[in-house]
């Protein structure tokens, strides 16, 4: 698996809590999108782990094509049909 699976073609609204650690899924296989559930173990992908700097509402990428992980940058709007099917 050299490219991540497109988990969805829209972002997920996420409520972050300041100081809390999160693991964002980068492979697209997780059933708990946009967060990691360990499904990447059979791939070369690893989660993007971070600590929230402040409490806020964010929109996290689920197409896995963003250039600003974990935040959505609108890349899902540029996906072609074959890419959407992962």
N, C-alpha and C. Protein backbone atom coordinates (compact mmCIF):
# COMPACT_ATOMS: atom_id res chain seq x y z
N UNK A 1 0.86 -1.18 0.00
CA UNK A 1 0.00 0.00 0.00
C UNK A 1 0.90 1.23 0.00
N UNK A 2 1.00 1.89 -1.15
CA UNK A 2 1.88 3.04 -1.25
C UNK A 2 1.14 4.37 -1.10
N UNK A 3 -0.17 4.36 -1.30
CA UNK A 3 -0.98 5.55 -1.12
C UNK A 3 -2.03 5.26 -0.05
N UNK A 4 -2.39 6.27 0.72
CA UNK A 4 -3.43 6.04 1.72
C UNK A 4 -4.80 5.82 1.06
N UNK A 5 -5.65 5.09 1.72
CA UNK A 5 -7.02 4.89 1.26
C UNK A 5 -7.81 6.17 1.53
N UNK A 6 -8.63 6.57 0.59
CA UNK A 6 -9.51 7.72 0.79
C UNK A 6 -10.65 7.23 1.69
N UNK A 7 -10.67 7.71 2.93
CA UNK A 7 -11.68 7.26 3.89
C UNK A 7 -13.02 7.95 3.64
N UNK A 8 -13.00 9.18 3.15
CA UNK A 8 -14.22 9.94 2.85
C UNK A 8 -13.83 11.14 2.00
N UNK A 9 -14.81 11.69 1.30
CA UNK A 9 -14.52 12.85 0.46
C UNK A 9 -15.01 14.15 1.08
N UNK A 10 -15.00 14.18 2.40
CA UNK A 10 -15.35 15.38 3.14
C UNK A 10 -14.60 15.35 4.47
N UNK A 11 -14.37 16.52 5.08
CA UNK A 11 -13.67 16.55 6.35
C UNK A 11 -14.57 16.11 7.51
N UNK A 12 -13.93 15.81 8.64
CA UNK A 12 -14.65 15.46 9.88
C UNK A 12 -14.51 16.62 10.85
N UNK A 13 -15.63 17.04 11.43
CA UNK A 13 -15.58 18.07 12.46
C UNK A 13 -15.12 17.43 13.76
N UNK A 14 -14.10 18.02 14.37
CA UNK A 14 -13.50 17.47 15.58
C UNK A 14 -13.41 18.56 16.65
N UNK A 15 -13.77 18.19 17.87
CA UNK A 15 -13.63 19.10 19.01
C UNK A 15 -12.35 18.72 19.75
N UNK A 16 -11.34 19.57 19.67
CA UNK A 16 -10.07 19.30 20.34
C UNK A 16 -10.07 19.91 21.73
N UNK A 17 -9.39 19.24 22.66
CA UNK A 17 -9.23 19.75 24.03
C UNK A 17 -7.77 20.11 24.27
N UNK A 18 -7.53 21.31 24.73
CA UNK A 18 -6.17 21.76 25.00
C UNK A 18 -5.43 20.77 25.89
N UNK A 19 -4.20 20.42 25.48
CA UNK A 19 -3.36 19.54 26.26
C UNK A 19 -3.59 18.05 26.04
N UNK A 20 -4.64 17.69 25.32
CA UNK A 20 -4.94 16.28 25.06
C UNK A 20 -4.17 15.78 23.84
N UNK A 21 -3.68 14.54 23.91
CA UNK A 21 -2.92 13.94 22.81
C UNK A 21 -3.88 13.20 21.87
N UNK A 22 -3.64 13.35 20.57
CA UNK A 22 -4.46 12.72 19.54
C UNK A 22 -3.57 11.98 18.54
N UNK A 23 -4.12 10.94 17.92
CA UNK A 23 -3.42 10.19 16.88
C UNK A 23 -4.29 10.19 15.63
N UNK A 24 -3.91 11.01 14.66
CA UNK A 24 -4.64 11.16 13.40
C UNK A 24 -4.25 10.03 12.45
N UNK A 25 -5.22 9.38 11.86
CA UNK A 25 -5.00 8.29 10.91
C UNK A 25 -4.44 8.85 9.61
N UNK A 26 -3.33 8.28 9.14
CA UNK A 26 -2.74 8.69 7.87
C UNK A 26 -2.92 7.65 6.77
N UNK A 27 -3.32 6.43 7.13
CA UNK A 27 -3.45 5.35 6.14
C UNK A 27 -4.83 5.29 5.50
N UNK A 28 -5.84 5.80 6.20
CA UNK A 28 -7.21 5.76 5.69
C UNK A 28 -7.95 4.47 6.00
N UNK A 29 -7.32 3.54 6.67
CA UNK A 29 -7.94 2.24 6.97
C UNK A 29 -8.72 2.22 8.28
N UNK A 30 -8.45 3.15 9.15
CA UNK A 30 -9.07 3.18 10.47
C UNK A 30 -10.59 3.25 10.39
N UNK A 31 -11.25 2.50 11.25
CA UNK A 31 -12.71 2.55 11.33
C UNK A 31 -13.18 3.66 12.26
N UNK A 32 -12.25 4.34 12.90
CA UNK A 32 -12.59 5.43 13.82
C UNK A 32 -12.12 6.77 13.26
N UNK A 33 -12.28 6.96 11.94
CA UNK A 33 -11.86 8.18 11.26
C UNK A 33 -12.39 9.41 11.96
N UNK A 34 -11.57 10.44 12.05
CA UNK A 34 -10.27 10.61 11.43
C UNK A 34 -9.11 10.13 12.32
N UNK A 35 -9.42 9.41 13.38
CA UNK A 35 -8.39 8.98 14.32
C UNK A 35 -7.93 7.55 14.08
N UNK A 36 -6.72 7.27 14.52
CA UNK A 36 -6.08 5.97 14.33
C UNK A 36 -6.69 4.91 15.26
N UNK A 37 -6.89 3.72 14.71
CA UNK A 37 -7.31 2.58 15.53
C UNK A 37 -6.34 1.40 15.39
N UNK A 38 -5.17 1.65 14.78
CA UNK A 38 -4.14 0.63 14.67
C UNK A 38 -4.18 -0.20 13.39
N UNK A 39 -5.10 0.07 12.49
CA UNK A 39 -5.21 -0.71 11.25
C UNK A 39 -3.99 -0.53 10.34
N UNK A 40 -3.18 0.47 10.59
CA UNK A 40 -1.99 0.73 9.78
C UNK A 40 -0.88 -0.29 10.01
N UNK A 41 -1.01 -1.14 10.98
CA UNK A 41 0.08 -2.03 11.37
C UNK A 41 0.61 -2.90 10.23
N UNK A 42 -0.21 -3.20 9.24
CA UNK A 42 0.24 -4.02 8.10
C UNK A 42 0.76 -3.15 6.95
N UNK A 43 0.95 -1.86 7.21
CA UNK A 43 1.41 -0.92 6.17
C UNK A 43 2.66 -0.19 6.66
N UNK A 44 3.18 0.69 5.82
CA UNK A 44 4.31 1.54 6.20
C UNK A 44 3.84 2.86 6.80
N UNK A 45 2.53 3.07 6.90
CA UNK A 45 1.99 4.30 7.45
C UNK A 45 2.06 4.30 8.97
N UNK A 46 2.17 5.47 9.55
CA UNK A 46 2.14 5.66 11.00
C UNK A 46 1.24 6.84 11.28
N UNK A 47 0.56 6.85 12.43
CA UNK A 47 -0.34 7.97 12.74
C UNK A 47 0.44 9.26 12.98
N UNK A 48 -0.25 10.35 12.77
CA UNK A 48 0.30 11.68 13.07
C UNK A 48 -0.15 11.99 14.50
N UNK A 49 0.77 11.88 15.45
CA UNK A 49 0.45 12.09 16.86
C UNK A 49 0.78 13.53 17.23
N UNK A 50 -0.15 14.19 17.94
CA UNK A 50 0.05 15.57 18.33
C UNK A 50 -0.73 15.88 19.60
N UNK A 51 -0.36 16.95 20.25
CA UNK A 51 -1.07 17.45 21.43
C UNK A 51 -1.74 18.75 21.05
N UNK A 52 -3.04 18.86 21.35
CA UNK A 52 -3.79 20.07 21.00
C UNK A 52 -3.26 21.27 21.79
N UNK A 53 -2.98 22.34 21.08
CA UNK A 53 -2.46 23.55 21.71
C UNK A 53 -3.55 24.37 22.37
N UNK A 54 -4.79 24.20 21.89
CA UNK A 54 -5.91 24.92 22.49
C UNK A 54 -7.20 24.15 22.24
N UNK A 55 -8.22 24.46 23.00
CA UNK A 55 -9.54 23.87 22.81
C UNK A 55 -10.19 24.60 21.64
N UNK A 56 -10.59 23.83 20.63
CA UNK A 56 -11.18 24.45 19.44
C UNK A 56 -11.88 23.40 18.58
N UNK A 57 -12.72 23.88 17.67
CA UNK A 57 -13.35 23.04 16.66
C UNK A 57 -12.47 23.09 15.42
N UNK A 58 -12.13 21.90 14.88
CA UNK A 58 -11.30 21.80 13.68
C UNK A 58 -11.98 20.88 12.68
N UNK A 59 -11.53 20.95 11.45
CA UNK A 59 -12.01 20.04 10.40
C UNK A 59 -10.81 19.23 9.92
N UNK A 60 -10.87 17.93 10.17
CA UNK A 60 -9.76 17.04 9.85
C UNK A 60 -10.00 16.32 8.54
N UNK A 61 -8.93 16.18 7.77
CA UNK A 61 -8.95 15.53 6.48
C UNK A 61 -9.27 14.04 6.61
N UNK A 62 -10.17 13.55 5.76
CA UNK A 62 -10.44 12.12 5.70
C UNK A 62 -10.10 11.55 4.32
N UNK A 63 -9.75 12.44 3.36
CA UNK A 63 -9.33 11.93 2.04
C UNK A 63 -7.85 11.55 2.06
N UNK A 64 -7.13 12.03 3.08
CA UNK A 64 -5.71 11.72 3.31
C UNK A 64 -4.78 12.34 2.27
N UNK A 65 -5.24 13.39 1.58
CA UNK A 65 -4.43 14.05 0.56
C UNK A 65 -4.00 15.45 0.99
N UNK A 66 -4.41 15.90 2.17
CA UNK A 66 -4.11 17.25 2.62
C UNK A 66 -2.61 17.52 2.72
N UNK A 67 -2.24 18.75 2.53
CA UNK A 67 -0.86 19.17 2.71
C UNK A 67 -0.66 19.79 4.08
N UNK A 68 -1.70 19.76 4.91
CA UNK A 68 -1.67 20.40 6.23
C UNK A 68 -2.21 19.44 7.29
N UNK A 69 -1.79 18.18 7.25
CA UNK A 69 -2.31 17.15 8.16
C UNK A 69 -2.17 17.59 9.62
N UNK A 70 -3.21 17.38 10.39
CA UNK A 70 -4.42 16.63 10.10
C UNK A 70 -5.56 17.49 9.53
N UNK A 71 -5.32 18.77 9.40
CA UNK A 71 -6.40 19.68 8.97
C UNK A 71 -6.72 19.55 7.48
N UNK A 72 -7.99 19.69 7.16
CA UNK A 72 -8.45 19.66 5.77
C UNK A 72 -8.00 20.94 5.08
N UNK A 73 -7.47 20.78 3.86
CA UNK A 73 -7.09 21.94 3.06
C UNK A 73 -7.87 22.01 1.75
N UNK A 74 -8.94 21.20 1.67
CA UNK A 74 -9.77 21.21 0.47
C UNK A 74 -9.32 20.25 -0.61
N UNK A 75 -8.29 19.47 -0.36
CA UNK A 75 -7.76 18.54 -1.37
C UNK A 75 -8.82 17.56 -1.87
N UNK A 76 -9.80 17.23 -1.04
CA UNK A 76 -10.84 16.27 -1.45
C UNK A 76 -11.63 16.77 -2.66
N UNK A 77 -11.65 18.07 -2.86
CA UNK A 77 -12.38 18.64 -4.00
C UNK A 77 -11.67 18.37 -5.32
N UNK A 78 -10.38 18.00 -5.26
CA UNK A 78 -9.59 17.77 -6.47
C UNK A 78 -9.46 16.29 -6.81
N UNK A 79 -9.99 15.42 -5.97
CA UNK A 79 -9.85 13.99 -6.23
C UNK A 79 -10.64 13.56 -7.46
N UNK A 80 -10.04 12.65 -8.23
CA UNK A 80 -10.73 12.08 -9.37
C UNK A 80 -11.40 10.80 -8.91
N UNK A 81 -12.39 10.34 -9.63
CA UNK A 81 -13.17 9.17 -9.26
C UNK A 81 -12.35 7.93 -8.88
N UNK A 82 -11.32 7.52 -9.64
CA UNK A 82 -10.55 6.33 -9.26
C UNK A 82 -9.87 6.48 -7.91
N UNK A 83 -9.41 7.69 -7.55
CA UNK A 83 -8.76 7.92 -6.28
C UNK A 83 -9.75 7.82 -5.14
N UNK A 84 -10.99 8.23 -5.35
CA UNK A 84 -12.01 8.17 -4.30
C UNK A 84 -12.29 6.75 -3.86
N UNK A 85 -12.11 5.81 -4.75
CA UNK A 85 -12.42 4.42 -4.42
C UNK A 85 -11.27 3.75 -3.68
N UNK A 86 -10.12 4.45 -3.56
CA UNK A 86 -8.98 4.00 -2.78
C UNK A 86 -8.32 2.82 -3.37
